[in-house]
């Protein structure tokens, strides 16, 4: 049985997530998991930065800047993201762990290298 091919949108997202993971690793972060799924959602990247557990939402767009990518994190997406985070913390028995949510926006530019913009504590908590 063959795997279904990914859509162009999925392919763009996968490229952005790979670029984001490489960026974080170059900054000395440890990538613990990618594309972690549960019934309530998906976590793009789960990483360790020092003593902090960081859930990273990656948004990728074909654009010249990262504004549209950050703007695509809607209130509905935030709710799904938080539900998945709570599921992960419960499943891994990490209730007392310090954690935060970051966002990385990736702009896949037509005539230049991709632009990566990292916002720490992206949900403002």
C-alpha atoms as a PDB file:
ATOM      1  CA  UNK A   1       0.000   0.000   0.000  1.00  0.00           C
ATOM      2  CA  UNK A   2       1.391   3.393  -0.924  1.00  0.00           C
ATOM      3  CA  UNK A   3       1.257   6.477   1.225  1.00  0.00           C
ATOM      4  CA  UNK A   4      -0.911   9.287  -0.106  1.00  0.00           C
ATOM      5  CA  UNK A   5       1.160  12.122  -1.478  1.00  0.00           C
ATOM      6  CA  UNK A   6       1.144  15.300   0.536  1.00  0.00           C
ATOM      7  CA  UNK A   7      -0.656  18.372  -0.732  1.00  0.00           C
ATOM      8  CA  UNK A   8       1.340  21.481  -1.701  1.00  0.00           C
ATOM      9  CA  UNK A   9       0.215  23.100   1.568  1.00  0.00           C
ATOM     10  CA  UNK A  10       1.441  20.127   3.615  1.00  0.00           C
ATOM     11  CA  UNK A  11       4.727  20.159   1.722  1.00  0.00           C
ATOM     12  CA  UNK A  12       5.224  23.857   2.509  1.00  0.00           C
ATOM     13  CA  UNK A  13       4.420  23.192   6.166  1.00  0.00           C
ATOM     14  CA  UNK A  14       6.836  20.267   6.355  1.00  0.00           C
ATOM     15  CA  UNK A  15       9.600  22.369   4.812  1.00  0.00           C
ATOM     16  CA  UNK A  16       8.967  25.158   7.312  1.00  0.00           C
ATOM     17  CA  UNK A  17       8.967  22.745  10.254  1.00  0.00           C
ATOM     18  CA  UNK A  18      12.270  21.222   9.099  1.00  0.00           C
ATOM     19  CA  UNK A  19      13.815  24.698   8.751  1.00  0.00           C
ATOM     20  CA  UNK A  20      12.510  25.683  12.195  1.00  0.00           C
ATOM     21  CA  UNK A  21      13.903  22.531  13.832  1.00  0.00           C
ATOM     22  CA  UNK A  22      17.305  23.105  12.195  1.00  0.00           C
ATOM     23  CA  UNK A  23      17.258  26.732  13.347  1.00  0.00           C
ATOM     24  CA  UNK A  24      16.542  25.708  16.953  1.00  0.00           C
ATOM     25  CA  UNK A  25      19.229  23.014  16.917  1.00  0.00           C
ATOM     26  CA  UNK A  26      21.742  25.567  15.613  1.00  0.00           C
ATOM     27  CA  UNK A  27      20.825  27.700  18.639  1.00  0.00           C
ATOM     28  CA  UNK A  28      21.683  24.775  20.941  1.00  0.00           C
ATOM     29  CA  UNK A  29      18.144  23.552  21.590  1.00  0.00           C
ATOM     30  CA  UNK A  30      17.355  19.839  21.933  1.00  0.00           C
ATOM     31  CA  UNK A  31      14.453  18.660  19.769  1.00  0.00           C
ATOM     32  CA  UNK A  32      12.441  16.140  21.801  1.00  0.00           C
ATOM     33  CA  UNK A  33       9.630  15.452  19.328  1.00  0.00           C
ATOM     34  CA  UNK A  34       8.152  16.695  16.082  1.00  0.00           C
ATOM     35  CA  UNK A  35       4.588  16.404  14.843  1.00  0.00           C
ATOM     36  CA  UNK A  36       3.346  14.925  18.132  1.00  0.00           C
ATOM     37  CA  UNK A  37      -0.328  14.057  17.673  1.00  0.00           C
ATOM     38  CA  UNK A  38      -3.222  13.370  19.998  1.00  0.00           C
ATOM     39  CA  UNK A  39      -6.973  13.368  19.530  1.00  0.00           C
ATOM     40  CA  UNK A  40      -7.168  17.092  20.292  1.00  0.00           C
ATOM     41  CA  UNK A  41      -4.436  18.382  18.031  1.00  0.00           C
ATOM     42  CA  UNK A  42      -0.812  18.344  16.960  1.00  0.00           C
ATOM     43  CA  UNK A  43       2.336  19.900  18.373  1.00  0.00           C
ATOM     44  CA  UNK A  44       4.801  20.886  15.650  1.00  0.00           C
ATOM     45  CA  UNK A  45       7.987  20.871  17.735  1.00  0.00           C
ATOM     46  CA  UNK A  46       8.607  20.001  21.367  1.00  0.00           C
ATOM     47  CA  UNK A  47      12.044  21.182  22.454  1.00  0.00           C
ATOM     48  CA  UNK A  48      14.216  21.674  25.509  1.00  0.00           C
ATOM     49  CA  UNK A  49      15.929  25.028  25.988  1.00  0.00           C
ATOM     50  CA  UNK A  50      17.940  24.903  29.173  1.00  0.00           C
ATOM     51  CA  UNK A  51      15.526  23.848  31.918  1.00  0.00           C
ATOM     52  CA  UNK A  52      12.495  25.064  29.937  1.00  0.00           C
ATOM     53  CA  UNK A  53      10.219  22.756  27.954  1.00  0.00           C
ATOM     54  CA  UNK A  54       9.118  24.683  24.873  1.00  0.00           C
ATOM     55  CA  UNK A  55       6.215  23.906  22.558  1.00  0.00           C
ATOM     56  CA  UNK A  56       6.881  25.538  19.201  1.00  0.00           C
ATOM     57  CA  UNK A  57       4.091  26.339  16.750  1.00  0.00           C
ATOM     58  CA  UNK A  58       5.511  26.700  13.240  1.00  0.00           C
ATOM     59  CA  UNK A  59       3.659  28.699  10.594  1.00  0.00           C
ATOM     60  CA  UNK A  60       4.993  28.798   7.049  1.00  0.00           C
ATOM     61  CA  UNK A  61       3.938  30.931   4.113  1.00  0.00           C
ATOM     62  CA  UNK A  62       5.210  31.656   0.623  1.00  0.00           C
ATOM     63  CA  UNK A  63       5.812  35.341   1.243  1.00  0.00           C
ATOM     64  CA  UNK A  64       8.528  37.971   1.512  1.00  0.00           C
ATOM     65  CA  UNK A  65       7.977  38.515   5.255  1.00  0.00           C
ATOM     66  CA  UNK A  66       6.640  36.646   8.283  1.00  0.00           C
ATOM     67  CA  UNK A  67       3.638  38.839   9.157  1.00  0.00           C
ATOM     68  CA  UNK A  68       1.013  36.637   7.472  1.00  0.00           C
ATOM     69  CA  UNK A  69       2.460  33.520   9.077  1.00  0.00           C
ATOM     70  CA  UNK A  70       2.185  34.949  12.600  1.00  0.00           C
ATOM     71  CA  UNK A  71      -1.275  36.337  11.848  1.00  0.00           C
ATOM     72  CA  UNK A  72      -2.467  32.834  10.935  1.00  0.00           C
ATOM     73  CA  UNK A  73      -2.362  31.716  14.589  1.00  0.00           C
ATOM     74  CA  UNK A  74      -6.079  32.188  15.215  1.00  0.00           C
ATOM     75  CA  UNK A  75      -7.925  31.921  18.552  1.00  0.00           C
ATOM     76  CA  UNK A  76      -9.236  28.517  17.425  1.00  0.00           C
ATOM     77  CA  UNK A  77      -5.681  27.352  16.671  1.00  0.00           C
ATOM     78  CA  UNK A  78      -4.549  28.594  20.096  1.00  0.00           C
ATOM     79  CA  UNK A  79      -7.284  26.569  21.816  1.00  0.00           C
ATOM     80  CA  UNK A  80      -6.325  23.400  19.915  1.00  0.00           C
ATOM     81  CA  UNK A  81      -2.673  24.023  20.657  1.00  0.00           C
ATOM     82  CA  UNK A  82      -3.317  24.403  24.386  1.00  0.00           C
ATOM     83  CA  UNK A  83      -5.478  21.262  24.470  1.00  0.00           C
ATOM     84  CA  UNK A  84      -2.685  19.265  22.817  1.00  0.00           C
ATOM     85  CA  UNK A  85      -0.109  20.719  25.226  1.00  0.00           C
ATOM     86  CA  UNK A  86      -2.170  19.696  28.250  1.00  0.00           C
ATOM     87  CA  UNK A  87      -2.572  16.203  26.772  1.00  0.00           C
ATOM     88  CA  UNK A  88       1.198  15.941  26.250  1.00  0.00           C
ATOM     89  CA  UNK A  89       1.988  17.153  29.770  1.00  0.00           C
ATOM     90  CA  UNK A  90      -0.482  14.673  31.272  1.00  0.00           C
ATOM     91  CA  UNK A  91       0.698  11.749  29.138  1.00  0.00           C
ATOM     92  CA  UNK A  92       4.353  12.412  29.980  1.00  0.00           C
ATOM     93  CA  UNK A  93       3.587  13.134  33.677  1.00  0.00           C
ATOM     94  CA  UNK A  94       5.146  16.605  33.388  1.00  0.00           C
ATOM     95  CA  UNK A  95       2.594  18.569  35.383  1.00  0.00           C
ATOM     96  CA  UNK A  96       5.234  20.392  37.458  1.00  0.00           C
ATOM     97  CA  UNK A  97       7.536  21.216  34.541  1.00  0.00           C
ATOM     98  CA  UNK A  98       8.222  24.819  33.528  1.00  0.00           C
ATOM     99  CA  UNK A  99       7.043  25.324  29.955  1.00  0.00           C
ATOM    100  CA  UNK A 100       6.113  27.983  27.445  1.00  0.00           C
ATOM    101  CA  UNK A 101       4.798  28.329  23.910  1.00  0.00           C
ATOM    102  CA  UNK A 102       6.947  29.895  21.198  1.00  0.00           C
ATOM    103  CA  UNK A 103       6.070  30.532  17.583  1.00  0.00           C
ATOM    104  CA  UNK A 104       8.329  30.406  14.576  1.00  0.00           C
ATOM    105  CA  UNK A 105       7.203  32.005  11.336  1.00  0.00           C
ATOM    106  CA  UNK A 106       8.933  30.918   8.152  1.00  0.00           C
ATOM    107  CA  UNK A 107       8.647  32.973   4.972  1.00  0.00           C
ATOM    108  CA  UNK A 108       9.624  31.016   1.873  1.00  0.00           C
ATOM    109  CA  UNK A 109      10.739  33.899  -0.315  1.00  0.00           C
ATOM    110  CA  UNK A 110      10.826  33.665  -4.093  1.00  0.00           C
ATOM    111  CA  UNK A 111      14.296  35.097  -4.773  1.00  0.00           C
ATOM    112  CA  UNK A 112      16.009  34.896  -1.401  1.00  0.00           C
ATOM    113  CA  UNK A 113      16.793  32.473   1.382  1.00  0.00           C
ATOM    114  CA  UNK A 114      13.916  31.626   3.727  1.00  0.00           C
ATOM    115  CA  UNK A 115      13.273  34.115   6.501  1.00  0.00           C
ATOM    116  CA  UNK A 116      12.844  32.675  10.009  1.00  0.00           C
ATOM    117  CA  UNK A 117      11.352  34.778  12.801  1.00  0.00           C
ATOM    118  CA  UNK A 118      11.206  33.334  16.334  1.00  0.00           C
ATOM    119  CA  UNK A 119       8.802  34.781  18.919  1.00  0.00           C
ATOM    120  CA  UNK A 120       9.374  33.520  22.464  1.00  0.00           C
ATOM    121  CA  UNK A 121       6.378  33.190  24.783  1.00  0.00           C
ATOM    122  CA  UNK A 122       4.183  33.782  21.757  1.00  0.00           C
ATOM    123  CA  UNK A 123       0.870  33.397  23.554  1.00  0.00           C
ATOM    124  CA  UNK A 124       1.822  35.964  26.166  1.00  0.00           C
ATOM    125  CA  UNK A 125       1.727  33.815  29.288  1.00  0.00           C
END
